N, C-alpha and C. Protein backbone atom coordinates (compact mmCIF):
# COMPACT_ATOMS: atom_id res chain seq x y z
N UNK A 1 0.84 -1.20 0.00
CA UNK A 1 0.00 0.00 0.00
C UNK A 1 0.87 1.25 0.00
N UNK A 2 0.82 2.00 -1.08
CA UNK A 2 1.61 3.23 -1.16
C UNK A 2 0.84 4.39 -0.51
N UNK A 3 1.51 5.05 0.43
CA UNK A 3 0.93 6.20 1.12
C UNK A 3 1.60 7.46 0.58
N UNK A 4 0.82 8.30 -0.04
CA UNK A 4 1.38 9.54 -0.60
C UNK A 4 0.55 10.74 -0.15
N UNK A 5 1.24 11.86 -0.01
CA UNK A 5 0.54 13.11 0.29
C UNK A 5 -0.03 13.69 -1.00
N UNK A 6 -1.17 14.33 -0.88
CA UNK A 6 -1.78 15.04 -2.00
C UNK A 6 -1.95 16.50 -1.58
N UNK A 7 -1.32 17.38 -2.33
CA UNK A 7 -1.41 18.82 -2.08
C UNK A 7 -2.14 19.46 -3.26
N UNK A 8 -3.26 20.07 -2.98
CA UNK A 8 -4.07 20.70 -4.02
C UNK A 8 -3.95 22.22 -3.91
N UNK A 9 -3.46 22.84 -4.96
CA UNK A 9 -3.35 24.31 -4.99
C UNK A 9 -3.83 24.81 -6.34
N UNK A 10 -4.36 26.00 -6.34
CA UNK A 10 -4.83 26.57 -7.60
C UNK A 10 -4.57 28.07 -7.60
N UNK A 11 -4.59 28.64 -8.77
CA UNK A 11 -4.51 30.09 -8.88
C UNK A 11 -5.90 30.68 -8.64
N UNK A 12 -5.94 31.96 -8.37
CA UNK A 12 -7.23 32.62 -8.26
C UNK A 12 -7.72 32.88 -6.85
N UNK A 13 -6.84 32.83 -5.84
CA UNK A 13 -7.26 33.16 -4.49
C UNK A 13 -7.76 34.61 -4.46
N UNK A 14 -8.92 34.82 -3.85
CA UNK A 14 -9.55 36.14 -3.90
C UNK A 14 -9.31 36.98 -2.64
N UNK A 15 -9.41 36.37 -1.45
CA UNK A 15 -9.29 37.13 -0.21
C UNK A 15 -7.83 37.43 0.16
N UNK A 16 -6.92 36.51 -0.18
CA UNK A 16 -5.48 36.74 0.02
C UNK A 16 -4.82 36.45 -1.32
N UNK A 17 -4.48 37.48 -2.07
CA UNK A 17 -3.97 37.33 -3.42
C UNK A 17 -2.72 36.44 -3.46
N UNK A 18 -2.77 35.43 -4.33
CA UNK A 18 -1.63 34.53 -4.54
C UNK A 18 -1.08 33.96 -3.22
N UNK A 19 -1.97 33.63 -2.29
CA UNK A 19 -1.50 33.27 -0.95
C UNK A 19 -0.60 32.03 -0.94
N UNK A 20 -0.76 31.14 -1.90
CA UNK A 20 0.04 29.91 -1.89
C UNK A 20 1.52 30.17 -2.19
N UNK A 21 1.81 31.21 -2.97
CA UNK A 21 3.20 31.43 -3.39
C UNK A 21 3.71 32.82 -3.04
N UNK A 22 2.94 33.65 -2.37
CA UNK A 22 3.44 34.96 -1.98
C UNK A 22 4.45 34.78 -0.84
N UNK A 23 5.36 35.73 -0.61
CA UNK A 23 6.36 35.57 0.44
C UNK A 23 5.74 35.33 1.81
N UNK A 24 6.25 34.31 2.49
CA UNK A 24 5.78 33.94 3.82
C UNK A 24 6.98 33.46 4.63
N UNK A 25 7.40 34.25 5.61
CA UNK A 25 8.50 33.88 6.51
C UNK A 25 9.75 33.46 5.74
N UNK A 26 10.08 34.21 4.69
CA UNK A 26 11.27 33.92 3.90
C UNK A 26 11.10 32.81 2.90
N UNK A 27 9.90 32.30 2.76
CA UNK A 27 9.62 31.22 1.81
C UNK A 27 8.22 31.45 1.25
N UNK A 28 7.44 30.40 1.09
CA UNK A 28 6.04 30.51 0.70
C UNK A 28 5.28 29.37 1.34
N UNK A 29 3.97 29.51 1.43
CA UNK A 29 3.15 28.46 2.02
C UNK A 29 3.32 27.14 1.27
N UNK A 30 3.38 27.21 -0.04
CA UNK A 30 3.54 25.99 -0.83
C UNK A 30 4.86 25.30 -0.54
N UNK A 31 5.95 26.05 -0.57
CA UNK A 31 7.26 25.46 -0.34
C UNK A 31 7.40 24.90 1.08
N UNK A 32 6.85 25.62 2.05
CA UNK A 32 6.92 25.16 3.44
C UNK A 32 6.18 23.84 3.61
N UNK A 33 4.98 23.74 3.04
CA UNK A 33 4.21 22.50 3.18
C UNK A 33 4.87 21.35 2.44
N UNK A 34 5.38 21.60 1.26
CA UNK A 34 6.03 20.53 0.51
C UNK A 34 7.27 20.02 1.23
N UNK A 35 8.06 20.94 1.79
CA UNK A 35 9.25 20.53 2.52
C UNK A 35 8.87 19.71 3.75
N UNK A 36 7.83 20.12 4.42
CA UNK A 36 7.37 19.36 5.58
C UNK A 36 6.99 17.93 5.17
N UNK A 37 6.21 17.80 4.12
CA UNK A 37 5.74 16.49 3.69
C UNK A 37 6.89 15.61 3.19
N UNK A 38 7.86 16.22 2.53
CA UNK A 38 9.02 15.46 2.05
C UNK A 38 9.85 14.92 3.20
N UNK A 39 9.72 15.53 4.38
CA UNK A 39 10.47 15.09 5.55
C UNK A 39 9.75 14.01 6.36
N UNK A 40 8.51 13.69 6.00
CA UNK A 40 7.74 12.69 6.74
C UNK A 40 8.11 11.30 6.24
N UNK A 41 8.72 10.51 7.11
CA UNK A 41 9.29 9.22 6.69
C UNK A 41 8.25 8.20 6.25
N UNK A 42 7.04 8.29 6.78
CA UNK A 42 6.02 7.29 6.45
C UNK A 42 5.35 7.53 5.10
N UNK A 43 5.71 8.62 4.43
CA UNK A 43 5.14 8.91 3.10
C UNK A 43 6.02 8.35 1.99
N UNK A 44 5.37 7.81 0.98
CA UNK A 44 6.09 7.25 -0.18
C UNK A 44 6.23 8.25 -1.32
N UNK A 45 5.72 9.44 -1.13
CA UNK A 45 5.82 10.46 -2.17
C UNK A 45 4.88 11.61 -1.89
N UNK A 46 5.04 12.69 -2.64
CA UNK A 46 4.19 13.88 -2.52
C UNK A 46 3.71 14.25 -3.91
N UNK A 47 2.40 14.37 -4.06
CA UNK A 47 1.78 14.70 -5.34
C UNK A 47 1.16 16.09 -5.26
N UNK A 48 1.50 16.95 -6.18
CA UNK A 48 0.91 18.29 -6.22
C UNK A 48 -0.02 18.38 -7.42
N UNK A 49 -1.27 18.72 -7.15
CA UNK A 49 -2.30 18.82 -8.17
C UNK A 49 -2.68 20.29 -8.31
N UNK A 50 -2.46 20.86 -9.52
CA UNK A 50 -2.72 22.30 -9.69
C UNK A 50 -3.00 22.63 -11.14
N UNK A 51 -3.70 23.73 -11.33
CA UNK A 51 -3.90 24.29 -12.67
C UNK A 51 -2.83 25.32 -13.01
N UNK A 52 -1.98 25.66 -12.01
CA UNK A 52 -1.04 26.76 -12.13
C UNK A 52 0.36 26.24 -12.43
N UNK A 53 0.90 26.61 -13.60
CA UNK A 53 2.22 26.12 -14.01
C UNK A 53 3.33 26.59 -13.08
N UNK A 54 3.19 27.77 -12.48
CA UNK A 54 4.21 28.26 -11.55
C UNK A 54 4.30 27.35 -10.33
N UNK A 55 3.17 26.95 -9.80
CA UNK A 55 3.14 26.08 -8.63
C UNK A 55 3.64 24.68 -8.97
N UNK A 56 3.27 24.20 -10.14
CA UNK A 56 3.74 22.89 -10.58
C UNK A 56 5.25 22.89 -10.77
N UNK A 57 5.77 24.00 -11.26
CA UNK A 57 7.22 24.11 -11.47
C UNK A 57 7.96 24.10 -10.13
N UNK A 58 7.44 24.79 -9.14
CA UNK A 58 8.03 24.78 -7.80
C UNK A 58 8.05 23.36 -7.26
N UNK A 59 6.91 22.68 -7.39
CA UNK A 59 6.80 21.31 -6.89
C UNK A 59 7.76 20.37 -7.60
N UNK A 60 7.86 20.50 -8.90
CA UNK A 60 8.75 19.64 -9.69
C UNK A 60 10.20 19.83 -9.26
N UNK A 61 10.60 21.08 -9.07
CA UNK A 61 11.98 21.37 -8.67
C UNK A 61 12.30 20.84 -7.28
N UNK A 62 11.28 20.70 -6.43
CA UNK A 62 11.50 20.18 -5.08
C UNK A 62 11.46 18.66 -5.03
N UNK A 63 11.19 18.04 -6.17
CA UNK A 63 11.20 16.58 -6.23
C UNK A 63 9.86 15.93 -6.03
N UNK A 64 8.79 16.68 -6.20
CA UNK A 64 7.44 16.14 -6.04
C UNK A 64 6.88 15.67 -7.38
N UNK A 65 5.89 14.78 -7.33
CA UNK A 65 5.14 14.42 -8.52
C UNK A 65 4.14 15.53 -8.80
N UNK A 66 3.82 15.75 -10.06
CA UNK A 66 2.89 16.82 -10.40
C UNK A 66 1.78 16.31 -11.30
N UNK A 67 0.59 16.88 -11.11
CA UNK A 67 -0.57 16.58 -11.95
C UNK A 67 -1.19 17.90 -12.37
N UNK A 68 -1.26 18.14 -13.67
CA UNK A 68 -1.87 19.37 -14.18
C UNK A 68 -3.39 19.21 -14.16
N UNK A 69 -4.04 20.08 -13.41
CA UNK A 69 -5.49 20.01 -13.27
C UNK A 69 -6.18 20.74 -14.41
N UNK A 70 -7.21 20.14 -14.93
CA UNK A 70 -8.02 20.78 -15.96
C UNK A 70 -8.66 22.05 -15.39
N UNK A 71 -8.76 23.08 -16.21
CA UNK A 71 -9.26 24.39 -15.77
C UNK A 71 -10.65 24.29 -15.12
N UNK A 72 -11.48 23.39 -15.62
CA UNK A 72 -12.83 23.25 -15.07
C UNK A 72 -12.78 22.90 -13.59
N UNK A 73 -11.85 22.04 -13.20
CA UNK A 73 -11.75 21.59 -11.81
C UNK A 73 -11.00 22.59 -10.91
N UNK A 74 -10.64 23.73 -11.48
CA UNK A 74 -10.02 24.80 -10.70
C UNK A 74 -10.88 26.06 -10.71
N UNK A 75 -12.08 25.95 -11.26
CA UNK A 75 -12.96 27.12 -11.37
C UNK A 75 -13.77 27.30 -10.09
N UNK A 76 -14.42 28.43 -9.97
CA UNK A 76 -15.26 28.72 -8.81
C UNK A 76 -16.65 28.12 -8.95
N UNK A 77 -16.96 27.58 -10.11
CA UNK A 77 -18.29 27.02 -10.36
C UNK A 77 -18.40 25.55 -9.97
N UNK A 78 -17.29 24.83 -10.02
CA UNK A 78 -17.32 23.38 -9.78
C UNK A 78 -17.48 23.10 -8.29
N UNK A 79 -18.19 22.03 -7.96
CA UNK A 79 -18.36 21.64 -6.56
C UNK A 79 -17.11 20.93 -6.06
N UNK A 80 -16.84 21.04 -4.77
CA UNK A 80 -15.68 20.36 -4.20
C UNK A 80 -15.82 18.85 -4.33
N UNK A 81 -17.04 18.34 -4.34
CA UNK A 81 -17.23 16.90 -4.51
C UNK A 81 -16.65 16.44 -5.85
N UNK A 82 -16.90 17.20 -6.90
CA UNK A 82 -16.34 16.86 -8.21
C UNK A 82 -14.83 16.96 -8.21
N UNK A 83 -14.31 17.99 -7.53
CA UNK A 83 -12.86 18.21 -7.47
C UNK A 83 -12.18 17.05 -6.76
N UNK A 84 -12.71 16.66 -5.60
CA UNK A 84 -12.13 15.55 -4.84
C UNK A 84 -12.09 14.28 -5.68
N UNK A 85 -13.18 13.97 -6.34
CA UNK A 85 -13.25 12.76 -7.16
C UNK A 85 -12.23 12.81 -8.28
N UNK A 86 -12.13 13.94 -8.96
CA UNK A 86 -11.19 14.09 -10.07
C UNK A 86 -9.75 13.96 -9.59
N UNK A 87 -9.42 14.57 -8.45
CA UNK A 87 -8.06 14.50 -7.95
C UNK A 87 -7.69 13.07 -7.57
N UNK A 88 -8.63 12.36 -6.95
CA UNK A 88 -8.36 10.97 -6.57
C UNK A 88 -8.16 10.09 -7.80
N UNK A 89 -8.94 10.34 -8.84
CA UNK A 89 -8.82 9.55 -10.07
C UNK A 89 -7.46 9.77 -10.74
N UNK A 90 -6.83 10.91 -10.46
CA UNK A 90 -5.54 11.23 -11.06
C UNK A 90 -4.39 11.13 -10.05
N UNK A 91 -4.60 10.29 -9.04
CA UNK A 91 -3.63 10.12 -7.96
C UNK A 91 -3.02 8.73 -8.04
N UNK A 92 -1.70 8.66 -8.11
CA UNK A 92 -1.00 7.39 -8.22
C UNK A 92 -0.55 6.93 -6.83
N UNK A 93 -1.45 6.29 -6.12
CA UNK A 93 -1.16 5.81 -4.79
C UNK A 93 -2.38 5.11 -4.23
N UNK A 94 -2.23 4.46 -3.07
CA UNK A 94 -3.33 3.71 -2.47
C UNK A 94 -4.00 4.48 -1.34
N UNK A 95 -3.21 5.18 -0.54
CA UNK A 95 -3.74 5.95 0.58
C UNK A 95 -3.36 7.41 0.38
N UNK A 96 -4.36 8.27 0.47
CA UNK A 96 -4.18 9.71 0.26
C UNK A 96 -4.04 10.41 1.61
N UNK A 97 -2.95 11.15 1.78
CA UNK A 97 -2.81 12.06 2.92
C UNK A 97 -2.98 13.46 2.36
N UNK A 98 -4.20 13.96 2.46
CA UNK A 98 -4.57 15.24 1.86
C UNK A 98 -4.22 16.36 2.85
N UNK A 99 -3.29 17.22 2.46
CA UNK A 99 -2.79 18.26 3.37
C UNK A 99 -2.86 19.62 2.71
N UNK A 100 -3.47 20.57 3.39
CA UNK A 100 -3.60 21.92 2.85
C UNK A 100 -2.36 22.75 3.13
N UNK A 101 -1.92 23.53 2.15
CA UNK A 101 -0.77 24.42 2.36
C UNK A 101 -1.15 25.58 3.28
N UNK A 102 -2.43 25.83 3.45
CA UNK A 102 -2.88 26.97 4.25
C UNK A 102 -2.93 26.67 5.74
N UNK A 103 -2.37 25.52 6.14
CA UNK A 103 -2.22 25.18 7.57
C UNK A 103 -0.74 25.05 7.89
N UNK A 104 0.01 26.16 7.87
CA UNK A 104 1.47 26.07 8.01
C UNK A 104 1.96 25.79 9.42
N UNK A 105 1.09 25.86 10.43
CA UNK A 105 1.52 25.68 11.81
C UNK A 105 1.34 24.24 12.30
N UNK A 106 0.91 23.36 11.41
CA UNK A 106 0.78 21.95 11.76
C UNK A 106 2.16 21.36 12.01
N UNK A 107 2.33 20.69 13.13
CA UNK A 107 3.62 20.14 13.51
C UNK A 107 3.89 18.81 12.80
N UNK A 108 5.17 18.54 12.54
CA UNK A 108 5.55 17.26 11.95
C UNK A 108 5.08 16.10 12.81
N UNK A 109 5.26 16.22 14.12
CA UNK A 109 4.87 15.14 15.02
C UNK A 109 3.39 14.83 14.88
N UNK A 110 2.57 15.88 14.81
CA UNK A 110 1.12 15.69 14.70
C UNK A 110 0.77 14.95 13.42
N UNK A 111 1.42 15.30 12.34
CA UNK A 111 1.17 14.65 11.05
C UNK A 111 1.61 13.19 11.09
N UNK A 112 2.79 12.94 11.62
CA UNK A 112 3.29 11.56 11.71
C UNK A 112 2.38 10.70 12.59
N UNK A 113 1.95 11.27 13.72
CA UNK A 113 1.08 10.55 14.64
C UNK A 113 -0.28 10.27 14.00
N UNK A 114 -0.78 11.19 13.20
CA UNK A 114 -2.07 10.99 12.52
C UNK A 114 -1.99 9.82 11.55
N UNK A 115 -0.90 9.74 10.78
CA UNK A 115 -0.74 8.62 9.84
C UNK A 115 -0.65 7.31 10.60
N UNK A 116 0.12 7.29 11.67
CA UNK A 116 0.25 6.09 12.50
C UNK A 116 -1.11 5.66 13.06
N UNK A 117 -1.89 6.63 13.54
CA UNK A 117 -3.21 6.33 14.11
C UNK A 117 -4.16 5.79 13.05
N UNK A 118 -4.15 6.39 11.88
CA UNK A 118 -5.01 5.92 10.79
C UNK A 118 -4.70 4.46 10.46
N UNK A 119 -3.44 4.14 10.32
CA UNK A 119 -3.05 2.77 9.96
C UNK A 119 -3.45 1.78 11.05
N UNK A 120 -3.38 2.21 12.30
CA UNK A 120 -3.75 1.33 13.42
C UNK A 120 -5.25 1.06 13.46
N UNK A 121 -6.06 2.02 13.00
CA UNK A 121 -7.51 1.92 13.15
C UNK A 121 -8.26 1.84 11.81
N UNK A 122 -7.55 1.52 10.74
CA UNK A 122 -8.17 1.54 9.41
C UNK A 122 -9.28 0.50 9.24
N UNK A 123 -9.30 -0.52 10.09
CA UNK A 123 -10.38 -1.51 10.00
C UNK A 123 -11.67 -0.99 10.63
N UNK A 124 -11.55 -0.03 11.53
CA UNK A 124 -12.73 0.51 12.22
C UNK A 124 -13.22 1.82 11.63
N UNK A 125 -12.30 2.58 11.01
CA UNK A 125 -12.64 3.88 10.44
C UNK A 125 -12.14 3.94 9.00
N UNK A 126 -12.87 4.64 8.14
CA UNK A 126 -12.44 4.70 6.74
C UNK A 126 -11.78 6.02 6.37
N UNK A 127 -11.63 6.92 7.33
CA UNK A 127 -10.85 8.14 7.10
C UNK A 127 -10.43 8.70 8.46
N UNK A 128 -9.39 9.51 8.44
CA UNK A 128 -8.99 10.28 9.61
C UNK A 128 -8.99 11.74 9.20
N UNK A 129 -9.66 12.57 10.01
CA UNK A 129 -9.82 13.98 9.63
C UNK A 129 -9.57 14.87 10.84
N UNK A 130 -8.67 15.83 10.68
CA UNK A 130 -8.32 16.71 11.79
C UNK A 130 -9.44 17.72 12.05
N UNK A 131 -9.60 18.04 13.34
CA UNK A 131 -10.64 18.98 13.75
C UNK A 131 -10.19 19.64 15.05
N UNK A 132 -10.78 20.76 15.36
CA UNK A 132 -10.48 21.44 16.61
C UNK A 132 -11.77 21.68 17.38
N UNK A 133 -11.63 21.72 18.69
CA UNK A 133 -12.77 21.83 19.58
C UNK A 133 -13.32 23.25 19.56
N UNK A 134 -14.66 23.34 19.48
CA UNK A 134 -15.34 24.64 19.51
C UNK A 134 -16.11 24.75 20.82
N UNK A 135 -15.77 25.74 21.61
CA UNK A 135 -16.50 26.01 22.84
C UNK A 135 -17.06 27.42 22.75
N UNK A 136 -18.10 27.57 21.93
CA UNK A 136 -18.71 28.87 21.69
C UNK A 136 -20.23 28.73 21.75
N UNK A 137 -20.89 29.84 22.01
CA UNK A 137 -22.34 29.85 22.10
C UNK A 137 -22.91 30.04 20.68
N UNK A 138 -23.44 28.98 20.13
CA UNK A 138 -23.81 28.95 18.72
C UNK A 138 -25.32 29.18 18.53
N UNK A 139 -25.63 29.99 17.52
CA UNK A 139 -27.02 30.29 17.17
C UNK A 139 -27.27 30.04 15.70
N UNK A 140 -28.49 29.65 15.39
CA UNK A 140 -28.94 29.55 13.99
C UNK A 140 -30.41 29.94 13.94
N UNK A 141 -30.74 30.85 13.03
CA UNK A 141 -32.12 31.31 12.85
C UNK A 141 -32.75 31.77 14.17
N UNK A 142 -31.93 32.46 14.98
CA UNK A 142 -32.45 33.01 16.23
C UNK A 142 -32.56 32.04 17.38
N UNK A 143 -32.09 30.82 17.19
CA UNK A 143 -32.19 29.81 18.24
C UNK A 143 -30.81 29.28 18.62
N UNK A 144 -30.62 29.06 19.93
CA UNK A 144 -29.36 28.49 20.41
C UNK A 144 -29.24 27.04 19.94
N UNK A 145 -28.07 26.68 19.45
CA UNK A 145 -27.86 25.33 18.93
C UNK A 145 -27.31 24.36 19.97
N UNK A 146 -26.48 24.87 20.86
CA UNK A 146 -25.73 23.95 21.73
C UNK A 146 -25.88 24.22 23.22
N UNK A 147 -26.91 24.97 23.61
CA UNK A 147 -27.16 25.17 25.03
C UNK A 147 -28.58 25.69 25.24
N UNK A 148 -29.01 25.64 26.49
CA UNK A 148 -30.34 26.09 26.88
C UNK A 148 -30.24 27.52 27.40
N UNK A 149 -30.95 28.45 26.76
CA UNK A 149 -30.91 29.86 27.16
C UNK A 149 -31.36 30.07 28.60
N UNK A 150 -32.21 29.18 29.09
CA UNK A 150 -32.72 29.34 30.45
C UNK A 150 -31.80 28.69 31.49
N UNK A 151 -30.81 27.97 31.02
CA UNK A 151 -29.83 27.34 31.91
C UNK A 151 -28.44 27.60 31.36
N UNK A 152 -28.05 28.87 31.39
CA UNK A 152 -26.79 29.31 30.78
C UNK A 152 -25.60 28.57 31.40
N UNK A 153 -24.85 27.78 30.63
CA UNK A 153 -23.67 27.11 31.17
C UNK A 153 -22.44 28.02 31.07
N UNK A 154 -21.36 27.61 31.72
CA UNK A 154 -20.07 28.23 31.48
C UNK A 154 -19.56 27.72 30.14
N UNK A 155 -18.73 28.51 29.48
CA UNK A 155 -18.28 28.11 28.14
C UNK A 155 -17.57 26.76 28.17
N UNK A 156 -16.81 26.49 29.26
CA UNK A 156 -16.09 25.21 29.32
C UNK A 156 -17.03 24.03 29.50
N UNK A 157 -18.30 24.30 29.90
CA UNK A 157 -19.26 23.22 30.09
C UNK A 157 -20.15 22.99 28.88
N UNK A 158 -19.92 23.73 27.82
CA UNK A 158 -20.66 23.49 26.58
C UNK A 158 -20.29 22.12 26.04
N UNK A 159 -21.17 21.50 25.25
CA UNK A 159 -20.86 20.17 24.70
C UNK A 159 -19.65 20.22 23.77
N UNK A 160 -18.95 19.12 23.69
CA UNK A 160 -17.77 19.03 22.81
C UNK A 160 -18.22 18.93 21.35
N UNK A 161 -18.01 20.00 20.61
CA UNK A 161 -18.32 20.04 19.19
C UNK A 161 -17.03 20.31 18.44
N UNK A 162 -16.74 19.51 17.43
CA UNK A 162 -15.50 19.65 16.68
C UNK A 162 -15.78 20.21 15.29
N UNK A 163 -14.92 21.12 14.85
CA UNK A 163 -15.00 21.69 13.51
C UNK A 163 -13.86 21.14 12.66
N UNK A 164 -14.18 20.57 11.53
CA UNK A 164 -13.13 20.09 10.63
C UNK A 164 -12.31 21.27 10.15
N UNK A 165 -10.99 21.12 10.13
CA UNK A 165 -10.12 22.20 9.64
C UNK A 165 -9.31 21.81 8.42
N UNK A 166 -9.35 20.53 8.03
CA UNK A 166 -8.73 20.03 6.79
C UNK A 166 -7.20 20.17 6.75
N UNK A 167 -6.59 20.32 7.94
CA UNK A 167 -5.13 20.33 7.99
C UNK A 167 -4.58 18.95 7.63
N UNK A 168 -5.25 17.89 8.11
CA UNK A 168 -4.87 16.52 7.80
C UNK A 168 -6.13 15.73 7.45
N UNK A 169 -6.08 15.03 6.35
CA UNK A 169 -7.17 14.13 5.95
C UNK A 169 -6.54 12.91 5.33
N UNK A 170 -6.88 11.74 5.84
CA UNK A 170 -6.28 10.50 5.35
C UNK A 170 -7.40 9.54 4.95
N UNK A 171 -7.33 9.04 3.74
CA UNK A 171 -8.39 8.19 3.21
C UNK A 171 -7.83 7.36 2.06
N UNK A 172 -8.36 6.16 1.88
CA UNK A 172 -7.95 5.36 0.73
C UNK A 172 -8.42 6.04 -0.56
N UNK A 173 -7.60 5.94 -1.58
CA UNK A 173 -7.93 6.56 -2.86
C UNK A 173 -9.30 6.11 -3.36
N UNK A 174 -9.59 4.81 -3.30
CA UNK A 174 -10.86 4.30 -3.82
C UNK A 174 -12.04 4.85 -3.03
N UNK A 175 -11.87 5.02 -1.71
CA UNK A 175 -12.94 5.61 -0.90
C UNK A 175 -13.13 7.09 -1.22
N UNK A 176 -12.04 7.77 -1.52
CA UNK A 176 -12.14 9.18 -1.90
C UNK A 176 -12.95 9.33 -3.19
N UNK A 177 -12.76 8.39 -4.10
CA UNK A 177 -13.52 8.42 -5.35
C UNK A 177 -14.99 8.12 -5.08
N UNK A 178 -15.25 7.09 -4.27
CA UNK A 178 -16.64 6.70 -3.99
C UNK A 178 -17.38 7.78 -3.21
N UNK A 179 -16.72 8.34 -2.21
CA UNK A 179 -17.37 9.34 -1.35
C UNK A 179 -17.36 10.73 -1.97
N UNK A 180 -16.49 10.94 -2.97
CA UNK A 180 -16.29 12.27 -3.55
C UNK A 180 -15.93 13.26 -2.45
N UNK A 181 -15.06 12.81 -1.54
CA UNK A 181 -14.73 13.62 -0.38
C UNK A 181 -13.48 13.06 0.28
N UNK A 182 -12.84 13.87 1.11
CA UNK A 182 -11.72 13.36 1.91
C UNK A 182 -12.22 12.88 3.27
N UNK A 183 -13.53 12.99 3.51
CA UNK A 183 -14.16 12.48 4.72
C UNK A 183 -14.94 11.23 4.35
N UNK A 184 -14.66 10.13 5.03
CA UNK A 184 -15.34 8.89 4.73
C UNK A 184 -16.69 8.79 5.42
N UNK A 185 -17.29 7.61 5.33
CA UNK A 185 -18.58 7.36 5.99
C UNK A 185 -18.41 7.09 7.48
N UNK A 186 -17.22 6.64 7.87
CA UNK A 186 -16.94 6.36 9.28
C UNK A 186 -15.63 7.07 9.67
N UNK A 187 -15.67 8.38 9.79
CA UNK A 187 -14.43 9.13 10.04
C UNK A 187 -13.94 9.04 11.48
N UNK A 188 -12.63 9.02 11.62
CA UNK A 188 -11.98 9.17 12.93
C UNK A 188 -11.66 10.66 13.06
N UNK A 189 -12.32 11.34 14.01
CA UNK A 189 -12.10 12.78 14.18
C UNK A 189 -10.86 12.97 15.06
N UNK A 190 -9.81 13.51 14.45
CA UNK A 190 -8.49 13.64 15.07
C UNK A 190 -8.35 15.06 15.60
N UNK A 191 -8.40 15.21 16.92
CA UNK A 191 -8.37 16.54 17.52
C UNK A 191 -6.98 17.15 17.54
N UNK A 192 -6.86 18.38 17.09
CA UNK A 192 -5.62 19.15 17.20
C UNK A 192 -5.97 20.51 17.80
N UNK A 193 -4.95 21.21 18.33
CA UNK A 193 -5.26 22.48 18.99
C UNK A 193 -5.50 23.59 17.96
N UNK A 194 -6.04 24.70 18.46
CA UNK A 194 -6.48 25.78 17.57
C UNK A 194 -5.32 26.45 16.83
N UNK A 195 -4.14 26.48 17.44
CA UNK A 195 -3.00 27.10 16.76
C UNK A 195 -2.57 26.25 15.57
N UNK A 196 -2.39 24.95 15.80
CA UNK A 196 -2.03 24.08 14.68
C UNK A 196 -3.11 24.07 13.61
N UNK A 197 -4.34 24.28 14.03
CA UNK A 197 -5.47 24.25 13.09
C UNK A 197 -5.59 25.53 12.27
N UNK A 198 -4.81 26.55 12.59
CA UNK A 198 -4.91 27.84 11.89
C UNK A 198 -4.94 27.66 10.38
N UNK A 199 -6.01 28.13 9.77
CA UNK A 199 -6.19 28.03 8.32
C UNK A 199 -6.20 29.44 7.75
N UNK A 200 -5.30 29.69 6.83
CA UNK A 200 -5.17 31.05 6.27
C UNK A 200 -6.27 31.30 5.24
N UNK A 201 -7.23 32.13 5.67
CA UNK A 201 -8.37 32.42 4.81
C UNK A 201 -8.53 33.91 4.54
N UNK A 202 -7.78 34.74 5.30
CA UNK A 202 -7.87 36.18 5.12
C UNK A 202 -6.53 36.80 5.53
N UNK A 203 -6.33 38.10 5.28
CA UNK A 203 -5.03 38.73 5.59
C UNK A 203 -4.64 38.65 7.06
N UNK A 204 -5.60 38.69 7.97
CA UNK A 204 -5.27 38.59 9.40
C UNK A 204 -4.73 37.21 9.72
N UNK A 205 -5.35 36.17 9.18
CA UNK A 205 -4.84 34.81 9.36
C UNK A 205 -3.40 34.70 8.85
N UNK A 206 -3.16 35.31 7.70
CA UNK A 206 -1.82 35.26 7.09
C UNK A 206 -0.78 35.88 8.02
N UNK A 207 -1.09 37.05 8.56
CA UNK A 207 -0.15 37.76 9.44
C UNK A 207 0.07 36.99 10.74
N UNK A 208 -1.00 36.45 11.30
CA UNK A 208 -0.88 35.68 12.54
C UNK A 208 -0.01 34.44 12.33
N UNK A 209 -0.30 33.68 11.26
CA UNK A 209 0.44 32.45 11.00
C UNK A 209 1.91 32.75 10.73
N UNK A 210 2.18 33.82 10.00
CA UNK A 210 3.57 34.17 9.71
C UNK A 210 4.31 34.56 10.99
N UNK A 211 3.64 35.31 11.88
CA UNK A 211 4.26 35.69 13.15
C UNK A 211 4.59 34.45 13.98
N UNK A 212 3.64 33.52 14.10
CA UNK A 212 3.85 32.31 14.89
C UNK A 212 4.95 31.45 14.27
N UNK A 213 4.96 31.35 12.96
CA UNK A 213 5.96 30.52 12.28
C UNK A 213 7.36 31.10 12.46
N UNK A 214 7.48 32.41 12.37
CA UNK A 214 8.79 33.06 12.51
C UNK A 214 9.33 32.97 13.94
N UNK A 215 8.45 33.09 14.92
CA UNK A 215 8.89 33.29 16.29
C UNK A 215 8.84 32.07 17.20
N UNK A 216 8.24 30.98 16.73
CA UNK A 216 8.15 29.79 17.57
C UNK A 216 8.59 28.57 16.76
N UNK A 217 9.79 28.10 17.04
CA UNK A 217 10.40 27.04 16.23
C UNK A 217 9.61 25.74 16.29
N UNK A 218 8.81 25.53 17.32
CA UNK A 218 8.04 24.28 17.44
C UNK A 218 7.10 24.07 16.26
N UNK A 219 6.76 25.17 15.57
CA UNK A 219 5.81 25.04 14.47
C UNK A 219 6.48 24.76 13.12
N UNK A 220 7.79 24.64 13.12
CA UNK A 220 8.46 24.20 11.88
C UNK A 220 9.67 23.35 12.22
N UNK A 221 9.51 22.49 13.23
CA UNK A 221 10.60 21.59 13.62
C UNK A 221 10.54 20.32 12.78
């Protein structure tokens, strides 16, 4: 069983222009993530799937496998379900470790431990997906979702609700095709802390992640 990382990047980021390849802590988000994955001993390779020739060229020079994505699967109109299925169909490996470049604070140890845990429990779960704990007072359509307004709890006593952050997703290639997702039917929810879970989605996220990466070596050891 070949275990390979899959890194999906595309051009056209709107909220943070060119966030995958713009300067970040003396490098770029793409290069940092690829170097991290290349250092993970349990991986048999790193595959970069992109519509952008600049990103593919960076990946190729770093020794990664590259897959040129059709423009349709990099557009804003296509559903992520279609994208996941297409990427899996063009993936040369048995187990996909899907890792986002926009989670630069994920530790090597956490990634290695996640792969180890997935392999240990693959008979009971069909995917492993990272998530972080949410302890917030949630509302929808004017109604509290996770607590009783008449019995206000302390925030630490709210129920344990996890939000997927997509920093780490591990699934068999065939299941990714069938599910059209990196989340299986029986997922193992792998808890990580909020700092490691940081996902760069706006300029403030970018500045925070860059500050943490520059000033705390634990996040790029």
